[in-house]
């Protein structure tokens, strides 16, 4: 990942986080302002109610005549009995304050007390004032107080989803670029196998260490007859042979480790595979090579050198590589002796 890409991602995340903080702060301010407004409204209503009821004997009748407010209920209750004697919602008449969920034990005579309570199953913002023989109570519906809050939260949610999509897009783009750069640096274009640089990074970097597992197997493979195919049938035939052996190696060794093309006709496989499975895979690979048939060339021949860490329990990877290389060299020598072909070809 390039530094410029990292900086872009950092800037996007920083700006996104800042905007989110601002939006959440605005939502918090909105809630606080709504609460303050509810308190101010309650003070005004309580002042009006108390002024109207100074010499009024029929509290229930007076409450029925009170103007209605959207999302607001007004209650008057006897201070001694705490029975509701007047209410804009007549269903609450003659009920006990405690039974409907209003606790007035902590209210102060000299000031209006505000709190949240569960009133008949609904959460309300309560404002209570003791005055004379009565408790005067204003109930605000929280839904009414915070009626603009859902829209604010919706805007925050939409913004978060948008930012998440943008960040995901940038990360995906960076990831694709990293994969492309890795493939360009570590993949052999002709065969799709890992290249010599990947071999140096993955295997030779640990050549002077012991194998991490007793199931470690190193395989060196050398394509036979590449020069002859190039000289007699052209480089297209040689390319076909290289791609043919690469496919056979990838199909059979790929599930057990990494396969590299380290030279024109040289291949290496670093596997983690138990002895029984290796025997089966070798048989299947030899069969696939013997049955291979190309468009320009109709025969494929490969010399192999296998070295297993279980054979050399005290050897480092570099020594196992030498053992595999020697075995591959011997197999190559046998091939040329059997075929009667000049080794230079």
C-alpha atoms as a PDB file:
ATOM      1  CA  UNK A   1       0.000   0.000   0.000  1.00  0.00           C
ATOM      2  CA  UNK A   2       1.448   3.357  -1.020  1.00  0.00           C
ATOM      3  CA  UNK A   3       1.887   6.177   1.515  1.00  0.00           C
ATOM      4  CA  UNK A   4      -0.445   8.398  -0.524  1.00  0.00           C
ATOM      5  CA  UNK A   5      -3.183   5.768  -0.285  1.00  0.00           C
ATOM      6  CA  UNK A   6      -2.705   5.476   3.471  1.00  0.00           C
ATOM      7  CA  UNK A   7      -2.907   9.253   3.839  1.00  0.00           C
ATOM      8  CA  UNK A   8      -6.105   9.371   1.761  1.00  0.00           C
ATOM      9  CA  UNK A   9      -7.689   6.690   3.922  1.00  0.00           C
ATOM     10  CA  UNK A  10      -6.593   8.475   7.110  1.00  0.00           C
ATOM     11  CA  UNK A  11      -8.071  11.772   5.862  1.00  0.00           C
ATOM     12  CA  UNK A  12     -11.400  10.124   4.939  1.00  0.00           C
ATOM     13  CA  UNK A  13     -11.633   8.380   8.327  1.00  0.00           C
ATOM     14  CA  UNK A  14     -10.664  11.577  10.208  1.00  0.00           C
ATOM     15  CA  UNK A  15     -13.208  13.719   8.352  1.00  0.00           C
ATOM     16  CA  UNK A  16     -15.889  11.035   8.766  1.00  0.00           C
ATOM     17  CA  UNK A  17     -15.214  10.701  12.483  1.00  0.00           C
ATOM     18  CA  UNK A  18     -15.299  14.497  12.899  1.00  0.00           C
ATOM     19  CA  UNK A  19     -18.630  14.819  11.097  1.00  0.00           C
ATOM     20  CA  UNK A  20     -20.085  11.945  13.137  1.00  0.00           C
ATOM     21  CA  UNK A  21     -18.995  13.647  16.361  1.00  0.00           C
ATOM     22  CA  UNK A  22     -20.584  16.894  15.170  1.00  0.00           C
ATOM     23  CA  UNK A  23     -23.857  15.178  14.245  1.00  0.00           C
ATOM     24  CA  UNK A  24     -24.036  13.296  17.530  1.00  0.00           C
ATOM     25  CA  UNK A  25     -23.232  16.530  19.366  1.00  0.00           C
ATOM     26  CA  UNK A  26     -26.071  18.261  17.515  1.00  0.00           C
ATOM     27  CA  UNK A  27     -28.398  15.411  18.480  1.00  0.00           C
ATOM     28  CA  UNK A  28     -27.328  15.782  22.127  1.00  0.00           C
ATOM     29  CA  UNK A  29     -27.843  19.534  21.972  1.00  0.00           C
ATOM     30  CA  UNK A  30     -31.258  18.980  20.378  1.00  0.00           C
ATOM     31  CA  UNK A  31     -32.280  16.649  23.218  1.00  0.00           C
ATOM     32  CA  UNK A  32     -31.042  19.137  25.820  1.00  0.00           C
ATOM     33  CA  UNK A  33     -32.790  22.056  24.121  1.00  0.00           C
ATOM     34  CA  UNK A  34     -36.007  20.048  23.856  1.00  0.00           C
ATOM     35  CA  UNK A  35     -35.787  19.256  27.583  1.00  0.00           C
ATOM     36  CA  UNK A  36     -35.164  22.915  28.441  1.00  0.00           C
ATOM     37  CA  UNK A  37     -38.071  23.944  26.250  1.00  0.00           C
ATOM     38  CA  UNK A  38     -40.317  21.375  27.965  1.00  0.00           C
ATOM     39  CA  UNK A  39     -39.296  22.762  31.367  1.00  0.00           C
ATOM     40  CA  UNK A  40     -40.038  26.324  30.276  1.00  0.00           C
ATOM     41  CA  UNK A  41     -43.406  25.291  28.827  1.00  0.00           C
ATOM     42  CA  UNK A  42     -44.252  23.483  32.071  1.00  0.00           C
ATOM     43  CA  UNK A  43     -43.442  26.608  34.122  1.00  0.00           C
ATOM     44  CA  UNK A  44     -45.737  28.729  31.970  1.00  0.00           C
ATOM     45  CA  UNK A  45     -48.582  26.194  32.157  1.00  0.00           C
ATOM     46  CA  UNK A  46     -48.205  25.700  35.917  1.00  0.00           C
ATOM     47  CA  UNK A  47     -48.254  29.457  36.460  1.00  0.00           C
ATOM     48  CA  UNK A  48     -51.472  29.763  34.449  1.00  0.00           C
ATOM     49  CA  UNK A  49     -53.131  26.810  36.198  1.00  0.00           C
ATOM     50  CA  UNK A  50     -52.213  28.014  39.668  1.00  0.00           C
ATOM     51  CA  UNK A  51     -53.516  31.507  38.882  1.00  0.00           C
ATOM     52  CA  UNK A  52     -56.824  30.091  37.647  1.00  0.00           C
ATOM     53  CA  UNK A  53     -57.358  27.791  40.622  1.00  0.00           C
ATOM     54  CA  UNK A  54     -56.706  30.231  43.472  1.00  0.00           C
ATOM     55  CA  UNK A  55     -60.380  30.580  44.372  1.00  0.00           C
ATOM     56  CA  UNK A  56     -61.841  27.841  42.236  1.00  0.00           C
ATOM     57  CA  UNK A  57     -63.771  25.216  44.177  1.00  0.00           C
ATOM     58  CA  UNK A  58     -64.518  22.674  41.441  1.00  0.00           C
ATOM     59  CA  UNK A  59     -61.064  21.525  40.295  1.00  0.00           C
ATOM     60  CA  UNK A  60     -62.421  18.841  37.958  1.00  0.00           C
ATOM     61  CA  UNK A  61     -64.652  21.348  36.171  1.00  0.00           C
ATOM     62  CA  UNK A  62     -61.854  23.881  35.885  1.00  0.00           C
ATOM     63  CA  UNK A  63     -59.471  21.270  34.381  1.00  0.00           C
ATOM     64  CA  UNK A  64     -62.085  20.258  31.815  1.00  0.00           C
ATOM     65  CA  UNK A  65     -62.190  23.902  30.705  1.00  0.00           C
ATOM     66  CA  UNK A  66     -58.410  24.165  30.378  1.00  0.00           C
ATOM     67  CA  UNK A  67     -57.052  24.628  26.846  1.00  0.00           C
ATOM     68  CA  UNK A  68     -55.414  21.510  25.417  1.00  0.00           C
ATOM     69  CA  UNK A  69     -51.750  21.335  24.432  1.00  0.00           C
ATOM     70  CA  UNK A  70     -50.304  18.909  21.919  1.00  0.00           C
ATOM     71  CA  UNK A  71     -48.508  16.088  23.760  1.00  0.00           C
ATOM     72  CA  UNK A  72     -49.185  17.628  27.202  1.00  0.00           C
ATOM     73  CA  UNK A  73     -51.463  16.586  30.098  1.00  0.00           C
ATOM     74  CA  UNK A  74     -52.196  18.650  33.220  1.00  0.00           C
ATOM     75  CA  UNK A  75     -53.041  17.174  36.630  1.00  0.00           C
ATOM     76  CA  UNK A  76     -54.052  18.623  39.985  1.00  0.00           C
ATOM     77  CA  UNK A  77     -53.935  16.379  43.080  1.00  0.00           C
ATOM     78  CA  UNK A  78     -54.804  16.889  46.729  1.00  0.00           C
ATOM     79  CA  UNK A  79     -51.622  17.283  48.784  1.00  0.00           C
ATOM     80  CA  UNK A  80     -52.992  15.345  51.756  1.00  0.00           C
ATOM     81  CA  UNK A  81     -54.601  12.376  50.018  1.00  0.00           C
ATOM     82  CA  UNK A  82     -52.575  12.556  46.742  1.00  0.00           C
ATOM     83  CA  UNK A  83     -55.813  11.778  44.908  1.00  0.00           C
ATOM     84  CA  UNK A  84     -56.169  13.330  41.458  1.00  0.00           C
ATOM     85  CA  UNK A  85     -59.008  15.816  41.652  1.00  0.00           C
ATOM     86  CA  UNK A  86     -58.566  17.446  38.276  1.00  0.00           C
ATOM     87  CA  UNK A  87     -57.019  16.345  34.991  1.00  0.00           C
ATOM     88  CA  UNK A  88     -57.202  17.206  31.319  1.00  0.00           C
ATOM     89  CA  UNK A  89     -57.353  13.441  30.816  1.00  0.00           C
ATOM     90  CA  UNK A  90     -60.517  12.582  32.783  1.00  0.00           C
ATOM     91  CA  UNK A  91     -59.598   8.896  32.935  1.00  0.00           C
ATOM     92  CA  UNK A  92     -57.055   9.823  35.604  1.00  0.00           C
ATOM     93  CA  UNK A  93     -59.602  11.428  37.973  1.00  0.00           C
ATOM     94  CA  UNK A  94     -59.767  10.004  41.519  1.00  0.00           C
ATOM     95  CA  UNK A  95     -56.669   7.879  40.989  1.00  0.00           C
ATOM     96  CA  UNK A  96     -53.785   7.932  43.453  1.00  0.00           C
ATOM     97  CA  UNK A  97     -50.620   9.636  42.180  1.00  0.00           C
ATOM     98  CA  UNK A  98     -48.480   6.718  43.259  1.00  0.00           C
ATOM     99  CA  UNK A  99     -50.718   4.209  41.475  1.00  0.00           C
ATOM    100  CA  UNK A 100     -50.320   5.998  38.124  1.00  0.00           C
ATOM    101  CA  UNK A 101     -46.517   6.209  38.599  1.00  0.00           C
ATOM    102  CA  UNK A 102     -45.945   9.746  39.922  1.00  0.00           C
ATOM    103  CA  UNK A 103     -43.696   9.977  42.988  1.00  0.00           C
ATOM    104  CA  UNK A 104     -43.972  13.404  44.619  1.00  0.00           C
ATOM    105  CA  UNK A 105     -41.975  12.544  47.748  1.00  0.00           C
ATOM    106  CA  UNK A 106     -38.879  14.359  46.466  1.00  0.00           C
ATOM    107  CA  UNK A 107     -40.608  17.533  45.291  1.00  0.00           C
ATOM    108  CA  UNK A 108     -39.734  20.911  46.772  1.00  0.00           C
ATOM    109  CA  UNK A 109     -42.329  23.487  47.813  1.00  0.00           C
ATOM    110  CA  UNK A 110     -40.220  26.409  46.628  1.00  0.00           C
ATOM    111  CA  UNK A 111     -39.421  25.217  43.143  1.00  0.00           C
ATOM    112  CA  UNK A 112     -40.696  23.135  40.260  1.00  0.00           C
ATOM    113  CA  UNK A 113     -39.240  19.610  40.173  1.00  0.00           C
ATOM    114  CA  UNK A 114     -38.591  17.885  36.848  1.00  0.00           C
ATOM    115  CA  UNK A 115     -38.087  14.136  36.345  1.00  0.00           C
ATOM    116  CA  UNK A 116     -38.816  11.208  34.027  1.00  0.00           C
ATOM    117  CA  UNK A 117     -41.483   8.728  35.095  1.00  0.00           C
ATOM    118  CA  UNK A 118     -43.486   5.824  33.722  1.00  0.00           C
ATOM    119  CA  UNK A 119     -47.097   7.005  33.717  1.00  0.00           C
ATOM    120  CA  UNK A 120     -49.683   4.314  32.988  1.00  0.00           C
ATOM    121  CA  UNK A 121     -47.112   2.441  30.936  1.00  0.00           C
ATOM    122  CA  UNK A 122     -45.845   5.449  28.941  1.00  0.00           C
ATOM    123  CA  UNK A 123     -42.610   7.334  29.657  1.00  0.00           C
ATOM    124  CA  UNK A 124     -43.315  10.990  30.445  1.00  0.00           C
ATOM    125  CA  UNK A 125     -41.339  14.087  31.344  1.00  0.00           C
ATOM    126  CA  UNK A 126     -42.931  15.301  34.599  1.00  0.00           C
ATOM    127  CA  UNK A 127     -42.909  18.798  36.083  1.00  0.00           C
ATOM    128  CA  UNK A 128     -44.356  19.029  39.645  1.00  0.00           C
ATOM    129  CA  UNK A 129     -45.022  22.035  41.887  1.00  0.00           C
ATOM    130  CA  UNK A 130     -46.495  22.157  45.375  1.00  0.00           C
ATOM    131  CA  UNK A 131     -48.750  25.149  45.843  1.00  0.00           C
ATOM    132  CA  UNK A 132     -51.292  25.544  48.637  1.00  0.00           C
ATOM    133  CA  UNK A 133     -53.474  22.448  48.980  1.00  0.00           C
ATOM    134  CA  UNK A 134     -52.489  20.954  45.640  1.00  0.00           C
ATOM    135  CA  UNK A 135     -49.809  19.293  43.606  1.00  0.00           C
ATOM    136  CA  UNK A 136     -49.871  20.728  40.110  1.00  0.00           C
ATOM    137  CA  UNK A 137     -48.322  18.421  37.520  1.00  0.00           C
ATOM    138  CA  UNK A 138     -47.553  18.803  33.823  1.00  0.00           C
ATOM    139  CA  UNK A 139     -46.821  15.638  31.815  1.00  0.00           C
ATOM    140  CA  UNK A 140     -44.937  15.883  28.522  1.00  0.00           C
ATOM    141  CA  UNK A 141     -44.832  12.946  26.105  1.00  0.00           C
ATOM    142  CA  UNK A 142     -41.159  12.184  25.361  1.00  0.00           C
ATOM    143  CA  UNK A 143     -42.136  11.399  21.776  1.00  0.00           C
ATOM    144  CA  UNK A 144     -43.491  14.916  21.497  1.00  0.00           C
ATOM    145  CA  UNK A 145     -40.444  16.474  23.155  1.00  0.00           C
ATOM    146  CA  UNK A 146     -38.033  14.625  20.891  1.00  0.00           C
ATOM    147  CA  UNK A 147     -40.173  14.656  17.766  1.00  0.00           C
ATOM    148  CA  UNK A 148     -37.249  15.969  15.680  1.00  0.00           C
ATOM    149  CA  UNK A 149     -34.733  13.536  17.148  1.00  0.00           C
ATOM    150  CA  UNK A 150     -35.574  10.520  14.922  1.00  0.00           C
ATOM    151  CA  UNK A 151     -34.931  12.621  11.830  1.00  0.00           C
ATOM    152  CA  UNK A 152     -31.564  13.749  13.241  1.00  0.00           C
ATOM    153  CA  UNK A 153     -30.599  10.167  14.079  1.00  0.00           C
ATOM    154  CA  UNK A 154     -31.739   9.050  10.619  1.00  0.00           C
ATOM    155  CA  UNK A 155     -29.439  11.633   9.046  1.00  0.00           C
ATOM    156  CA  UNK A 156     -26.578  10.356  11.235  1.00  0.00           C
ATOM    157  CA  UNK A 157     -27.324   6.748  10.226  1.00  0.00           C
ATOM    158  CA  UNK A 158     -27.497   7.592   6.515  1.00  0.00           C
ATOM    159  CA  UNK A 159     -24.227   9.481   6.770  1.00  0.00           C
ATOM    160  CA  UNK A 160     -22.540   6.583   8.600  1.00  0.00           C
ATOM    161  CA  UNK A 161     -23.716   4.138   5.923  1.00  0.00           C
ATOM    162  CA  UNK A 162     -22.451   6.468   3.205  1.00  0.00           C
ATOM    163  CA  UNK A 163     -19.062   6.862   4.882  1.00  0.00           C
ATOM    164  CA  UNK A 164     -18.835   3.107   5.479  1.00  0.00           C
ATOM    165  CA  UNK A 165     -19.462   2.552   1.770  1.00  0.00           C
ATOM    166  CA  UNK A 166     -16.809   5.100   0.796  1.00  0.00           C
ATOM    167  CA  UNK A 167     -14.248   3.610   3.196  1.00  0.00           C
ATOM    168  CA  UNK A 168     -15.095   0.099   1.965  1.00  0.00           C
ATOM    169  CA  UNK A 169     -14.624   1.237  -1.634  1.00  0.00           C
ATOM    170  CA  UNK A 170     -11.234   2.783  -0.846  1.00  0.00           C
ATOM    171  CA  UNK A 171     -10.083  -0.268   1.121  1.00  0.00           C
ATOM    172  CA  UNK A 172     -11.242  -2.620  -1.652  1.00  0.00           C
ATOM    173  CA  UNK A 173      -9.454  -0.500  -4.254  1.00  0.00           C
ATOM    174  CA  UNK A 174      -6.270  -0.506  -2.174  1.00  0.00           C
ATOM    175  CA  UNK A 175      -6.559  -4.253  -1.586  1.00  0.00           C
ATOM    176  CA  UNK A 176      -6.936  -4.897  -5.325  1.00  0.00           C
ATOM    177  CA  UNK A 177      -3.909  -2.726  -5.984  1.00  0.00           C
ATOM    178  CA  UNK A 178      -1.889  -4.620  -3.364  1.00  0.00           C
ATOM    179  CA  UNK A 179      -2.928  -7.933  -4.937  1.00  0.00           C
ATOM    180  CA  UNK A 180      -2.017  -6.659  -8.399  1.00  0.00           C
ATOM    181  CA  UNK A 181       1.349  -5.380  -7.188  1.00  0.00           C
ATOM    182  CA  UNK A 182       1.989  -8.672  -5.404  1.00  0.00           C
ATOM    183  CA  UNK A 183       1.090 -10.648  -8.521  1.00  0.00           C
ATOM    184  CA  UNK A 184       3.322  -8.498 -10.706  1.00  0.00           C
ATOM    185  CA  UNK A 185       6.212  -8.932  -8.281  1.00  0.00           C
ATOM    186  CA  UNK A 186       5.713 -12.584  -7.324  1.00  0.00           C
ATOM    187  CA  UNK A 187       3.865 -14.347 -10.142  1.00  0.00           C
ATOM    188  CA  UNK A 188       5.302 -15.834 -13.315  1.00  0.00           C
ATOM    189  CA  UNK A 189       3.228 -14.354 -16.117  1.00  0.00           C
ATOM    190  CA  UNK A 190       3.521 -17.310 -18.486  1.00  0.00           C
ATOM    191  CA  UNK A 191       2.525 -20.064 -16.033  1.00  0.00           C
ATOM    192  CA  UNK A 192       0.708 -18.326 -13.185  1.00  0.00           C
ATOM    193  CA  UNK A 193       3.086 -20.009 -10.721  1.00  0.00           C
ATOM    194  CA  UNK A 194       5.089 -18.103  -8.127  1.00  0.00           C
ATOM    195  CA  UNK A 195       8.338 -16.754  -9.583  1.00  0.00           C
ATOM    196  CA  UNK A 196      11.965 -16.815  -8.481  1.00  0.00           C
ATOM    197  CA  UNK A 197      11.599 -13.675  -6.361  1.00  0.00           C
ATOM    198  CA  UNK A 198       8.786 -15.330  -4.404  1.00  0.00           C
ATOM    199  CA  UNK A 199      10.990 -18.420  -4.036  1.00  0.00           C
ATOM    200  CA  UNK A 200      13.817 -16.305  -2.641  1.00  0.00           C
ATOM    201  CA  UNK A 201      11.429 -14.597  -0.221  1.00  0.00           C
ATOM    202  CA  UNK A 202       9.523 -17.676   0.929  1.00  0.00           C
ATOM    203  CA  UNK A 203      12.105 -20.473   0.875  1.00  0.00           C
ATOM    204  CA  UNK A 204      15.640 -19.150   0.609  1.00  0.00           C
ATOM    205  CA  UNK A 205      15.006 -16.585   3.347  1.00  0.00           C
ATOM    206  CA  UNK A 206      14.721 -19.555   5.732  1.00  0.00           C
ATOM    207  CA  UNK A 207      17.313 -21.767   4.035  1.00  0.00           C
ATOM    208  CA  UNK A 208      19.603 -21.873   7.061  1.00  0.00           C
ATOM    209  CA  UNK A 209      16.836 -22.880   9.459  1.00  0.00           C
ATOM    210  CA  UNK A 210      15.286 -26.222  10.260  1.00  0.00           C
ATOM    211  CA  UNK A 211      12.001 -27.079   8.470  1.00  0.00           C
ATOM    212  CA  UNK A 212       8.963 -26.094  10.547  1.00  0.00           C
ATOM    213  CA  UNK A 213       7.409 -29.541  10.133  1.00  0.00           C
ATOM    214  CA  UNK A 214       8.524 -33.141   9.670  1.00  0.00           C
ATOM    215  CA  UNK A 215       6.092 -33.276   6.728  1.00  0.00           C
ATOM    216  CA  UNK A 216       8.147 -30.710   4.808  1.00  0.00           C
ATOM    217  CA  UNK A 217       8.998 -31.958   1.304  1.00  0.00           C
ATOM    218  CA  UNK A 218      11.055 -30.110  -1.276  1.00  0.00           C
ATOM    219  CA  UNK A 219      10.680 -31.062  -4.939  1.00  0.00           C
ATOM    220  CA  UNK A 220      12.926 -29.880  -7.752  1.00  0.00           C
ATOM    221  CA  UNK A 221      11.629 -30.437 -11.276  1.00  0.00           C
ATOM    222  CA  UNK A 222      13.402 -29.855 -14.568  1.00  0.00           C
ATOM    223  CA  UNK A 223      11.665 -29.982 -17.926  1.00  0.00           C
ATOM    224  CA  UNK A 224      13.388 -32.347 -20.344  1.00  0.00           C
ATOM    225  CA  UNK A 225      13.895 -31.474 -24.011  1.00  0.00           C
ATOM    226  CA  UNK A 226      13.013 -27.760 -23.888  1.00  0.00           C
ATOM    227  CA  UNK A 227      15.976 -26.638 -26.035  1.00  0.00           C
ATOM    228  CA  UNK A 228      15.286 -29.317 -28.624  1.00  0.00           C
ATOM    229  CA  UNK A 229      11.630 -28.264 -28.878  1.00  0.00           C
ATOM    230  CA  UNK A 230      12.614 -24.604 -29.264  1.00  0.00           C
ATOM    231  CA  UNK A 231      15.222 -25.413 -31.919  1.00  0.00           C
ATOM    232  CA  UNK A 232      13.114 -27.808 -34.001  1.00  0.00           C
ATOM    233  CA  UNK A 233       9.555 -26.531 -33.560  1.00  0.00           C
ATOM    234  CA  UNK A 234       9.967 -22.950 -32.388  1.00  0.00           C
ATOM    235  CA  UNK A 235       9.510 -21.162 -29.103  1.00  0.00           C
ATOM    236  CA  UNK A 236       5.753 -21.667 -29.249  1.00  0.00           C
ATOM    237  CA  UNK A 237       6.357 -25.370 -28.715  1.00  0.00           C
ATOM    238  CA  UNK A 238       8.753 -24.633 -25.871  1.00  0.00           C
ATOM    239  CA  UNK A 239       6.178 -22.353 -24.231  1.00  0.00           C
ATOM    240  CA  UNK A 240       3.596 -25.108 -24.570  1.00  0.00           C
ATOM    241  CA  UNK A 241       5.875 -27.539 -22.717  1.00  0.00           C
ATOM    242  CA  UNK A 242       6.550 -25.015 -19.927  1.00  0.00           C
ATOM    243  CA  UNK A 243       2.842 -24.320 -19.486  1.00  0.00           C
ATOM    244  CA  UNK A 244       2.081 -28.041 -19.593  1.00  0.00           C
ATOM    245  CA  UNK A 245       4.454 -28.979 -16.800  1.00  0.00           C
ATOM    246  CA  UNK A 246       3.360 -25.937 -14.773  1.00  0.00           C
ATOM    247  CA  UNK A 247      -0.277 -27.042 -14.950  1.00  0.00           C
ATOM    248  CA  UNK A 248       0.567 -30.598 -13.919  1.00  0.00           C
ATOM    249  CA  UNK A 249       2.613 -29.371 -10.941  1.00  0.00           C
ATOM    250  CA  UNK A 250       0.002 -26.838  -9.870  1.00  0.00           C
ATOM    251  CA  UNK A 251      -2.882 -29.308 -10.134  1.00  0.00           C
ATOM    252  CA  UNK A 252      -1.157 -31.991  -8.053  1.00  0.00           C
ATOM    253  CA  UNK A 253       1.174 -30.075  -5.708  1.00  0.00           C
ATOM    254  CA  UNK A 254      -0.831 -26.857  -5.372  1.00  0.00           C
ATOM    255  CA  UNK A 255      -3.206 -28.137  -2.640  1.00  0.00           C
ATOM    256  CA  UNK A 256      -0.222 -29.002  -0.408  1.00  0.00           C
ATOM    257  CA  UNK A 257       2.035 -25.969  -0.703  1.00  0.00           C
ATOM    258  CA  UNK A 258       3.715 -23.497  -3.053  1.00  0.00           C
ATOM    259  CA  UNK A 259       4.920 -24.157  -6.591  1.00  0.00           C
ATOM    260  CA  UNK A 260       7.557 -21.892  -8.172  1.00  0.00           C
ATOM    261  CA  UNK A 261       9.052 -21.435 -11.622  1.00  0.00           C
ATOM    262  CA  UNK A 262      12.620 -20.463 -10.793  1.00  0.00           C
ATOM    263  CA  UNK A 263      14.113 -20.564 -14.288  1.00  0.00           C
ATOM    264  CA  UNK A 264      13.267 -21.222 -17.919  1.00  0.00           C
ATOM    265  CA  UNK A 265      12.706 -24.967 -17.425  1.00  0.00           C
ATOM    266  CA  UNK A 266      13.266 -25.229 -13.652  1.00  0.00           C
ATOM    267  CA  UNK A 267      10.541 -25.591 -11.053  1.00  0.00           C
ATOM    268  CA  UNK A 268      10.429 -26.004  -7.267  1.00  0.00           C
ATOM    269  CA  UNK A 269       7.618 -27.168  -4.990  1.00  0.00           C
ATOM    270  CA  UNK A 270       7.686 -26.657  -1.200  1.00  0.00           C
ATOM    271  CA  UNK A 271       5.076 -28.968   0.288  1.00  0.00           C
ATOM    272  CA  UNK A 272       3.650 -29.990   3.654  1.00  0.00           C
ATOM    273  CA  UNK A 273       2.381 -33.484   3.042  1.00  0.00           C
ATOM    274  CA  UNK A 274       2.501 -36.817   4.851  1.00  0.00           C
ATOM    275  CA  UNK A 275       4.342 -39.802   3.409  1.00  0.00           C
ATOM    276  CA  UNK A 276       1.276 -41.788   2.334  1.00  0.00           C
ATOM    277  CA  UNK A 277      -0.383 -38.842   0.587  1.00  0.00           C
ATOM    278  CA  UNK A 278       2.894 -37.926  -1.121  1.00  0.00           C
ATOM    279  CA  UNK A 279       3.167 -41.406  -2.597  1.00  0.00           C
ATOM    280  CA  UNK A 280      -0.340 -41.159  -4.040  1.00  0.00           C
ATOM    281  CA  UNK A 281       0.223 -37.636  -5.398  1.00  0.00           C
ATOM    282  CA  UNK A 282       3.480 -38.687  -7.077  1.00  0.00           C
ATOM    283  CA  UNK A 283       1.740 -41.566  -8.865  1.00  0.00           C
ATOM    284  CA  UNK A 284      -1.073 -39.294 -10.050  1.00  0.00           C
ATOM    285  CA  UNK A 285       1.392 -36.631 -11.203  1.00  0.00           C
ATOM    286  CA  UNK A 286       3.506 -39.132 -13.175  1.00  0.00           C
ATOM    287  CA  UNK A 287       0.337 -40.440 -14.820  1.00  0.00           C
ATOM    288  CA  UNK A 288      -0.806 -36.917 -15.760  1.00  0.00           C
ATOM    289  CA  UNK A 289       2.593 -36.152 -17.290  1.00  0.00           C
ATOM    290  CA  UNK A 290       2.658 -39.411 -19.260  1.00  0.00           C
ATOM    291  CA  UNK A 291      -0.839 -38.725 -20.644  1.00  0.00           C
ATOM    292  CA  UNK A 292      -0.210 -35.072 -21.479  1.00  0.00           C
ATOM    293  CA  UNK A 293      -0.746 -34.100 -25.112  1.00  0.00           C
ATOM    294  CA  UNK A 294      -0.283 -30.582 -26.440  1.00  0.00           C
ATOM    295  CA  UNK A 295      -1.211 -28.820 -29.673  1.00  0.00           C
ATOM    296  CA  UNK A 296       2.335 -28.502 -31.014  1.00  0.00           C
ATOM    297  CA  UNK A 297       4.109 -31.076 -28.848  1.00  0.00           C
ATOM    298  CA  UNK A 298       2.665 -34.440 -27.951  1.00  0.00           C
ATOM    299  CA  UNK A 299       5.019 -35.635 -25.256  1.00  0.00           C
ATOM    300  CA  UNK A 300       6.052 -34.213 -21.876  1.00  0.00           C
ATOM    301  CA  UNK A 301       9.055 -35.359 -19.848  1.00  0.00           C
ATOM    302  CA  UNK A 302      10.173 -34.069 -16.448  1.00  0.00           C
ATOM    303  CA  UNK A 303      13.064 -35.027 -14.150  1.00  0.00           C
ATOM    304  CA  UNK A 304      12.291 -34.840 -10.425  1.00  0.00           C
ATOM    305  CA  UNK A 305      14.296 -34.681  -7.237  1.00  0.00           C
ATOM    306  CA  UNK A 306      12.380 -35.290  -3.988  1.00  0.00           C
ATOM    307  CA  UNK A 307      13.826 -34.663  -0.493  1.00  0.00           C
ATOM    308  CA  UNK A 308      11.735 -35.122   2.650  1.00  0.00           C
ATOM    309  CA  UNK A 309      12.592 -33.661   6.040  1.00  0.00           C
ATOM    310  CA  UNK A 310      11.629 -36.956   7.668  1.00  0.00           C
ATOM    311  CA  UNK A 311      14.534 -38.512   5.732  1.00  0.00           C
ATOM    312  CA  UNK A 312      16.921 -35.848   7.047  1.00  0.00           C
ATOM    313  CA  UNK A 313      15.658 -35.001  10.546  1.00  0.00           C
ATOM    314  CA  UNK A 314      18.689 -32.912  11.499  1.00  0.00           C
ATOM    315  CA  UNK A 315      19.156 -31.074   8.212  1.00  0.00           C
ATOM    316  CA  UNK A 316      18.449 -27.420   7.519  1.00  0.00           C
ATOM    317  CA  UNK A 317      16.341 -26.392   4.543  1.00  0.00           C
ATOM    318  CA  UNK A 318      19.456 -25.482   2.541  1.00  0.00           C
ATOM    319  CA  UNK A 319      20.798 -29.024   2.980  1.00  0.00           C
ATOM    320  CA  UNK A 320      17.441 -30.531   1.980  1.00  0.00           C
ATOM    321  CA  UNK A 321      17.538 -28.366  -1.150  1.00  0.00           C
ATOM    322  CA  UNK A 322      20.986 -29.755  -2.004  1.00  0.00           C
ATOM    323  CA  UNK A 323      19.732 -33.317  -1.530  1.00  0.00           C
ATOM    324  CA  UNK A 324      16.749 -32.673  -3.811  1.00  0.00           C
ATOM    325  CA  UNK A 325      18.993 -30.980  -6.380  1.00  0.00           C
ATOM    326  CA  UNK A 326      21.368 -33.946  -6.447  1.00  0.00           C
ATOM    327  CA  UNK A 327      18.478 -36.370  -6.938  1.00  0.00           C
ATOM    328  CA  UNK A 328      17.051 -34.244  -9.718  1.00  0.00           C
ATOM    329  CA  UNK A 329      20.485 -34.119 -11.395  1.00  0.00           C
ATOM    330  CA  UNK A 330      20.721 -37.927 -11.221  1.00  0.00           C
ATOM    331  CA  UNK A 331      17.207 -38.287 -12.701  1.00  0.00           C
ATOM    332  CA  UNK A 332      18.160 -35.866 -15.488  1.00  0.00           C
ATOM    333  CA  UNK A 333      21.322 -37.861 -16.206  1.00  0.00           C
ATOM    334  CA  UNK A 334      19.335 -41.111 -16.371  1.00  0.00           C
ATOM    335  CA  UNK A 335      16.839 -39.532 -18.785  1.00  0.00           C
ATOM    336  CA  UNK A 336      19.538 -38.507 -21.260  1.00  0.00           C
ATOM    337  CA  UNK A 337      21.319 -41.843 -20.984  1.00  0.00           C
ATOM    338  CA  UNK A 338      18.105 -43.747 -21.614  1.00  0.00           C
ATOM    339  CA  UNK A 339      16.960 -41.533 -24.457  1.00  0.00           C
ATOM    340  CA  UNK A 340      20.365 -41.269 -26.102  1.00  0.00           C
ATOM    341  CA  UNK A 341      19.995 -37.514 -26.474  1.00  0.00           C
ATOM    342  CA  UNK A 342      22.965 -35.194 -26.165  1.00  0.00           C
ATOM    343  CA  UNK A 343      22.588 -33.459 -22.785  1.00  0.00           C
ATOM    344  CA  UNK A 344      23.410 -30.114 -24.347  1.00  0.00           C
ATOM    345  CA  UNK A 345      20.097 -30.422 -26.166  1.00  0.00           C
END
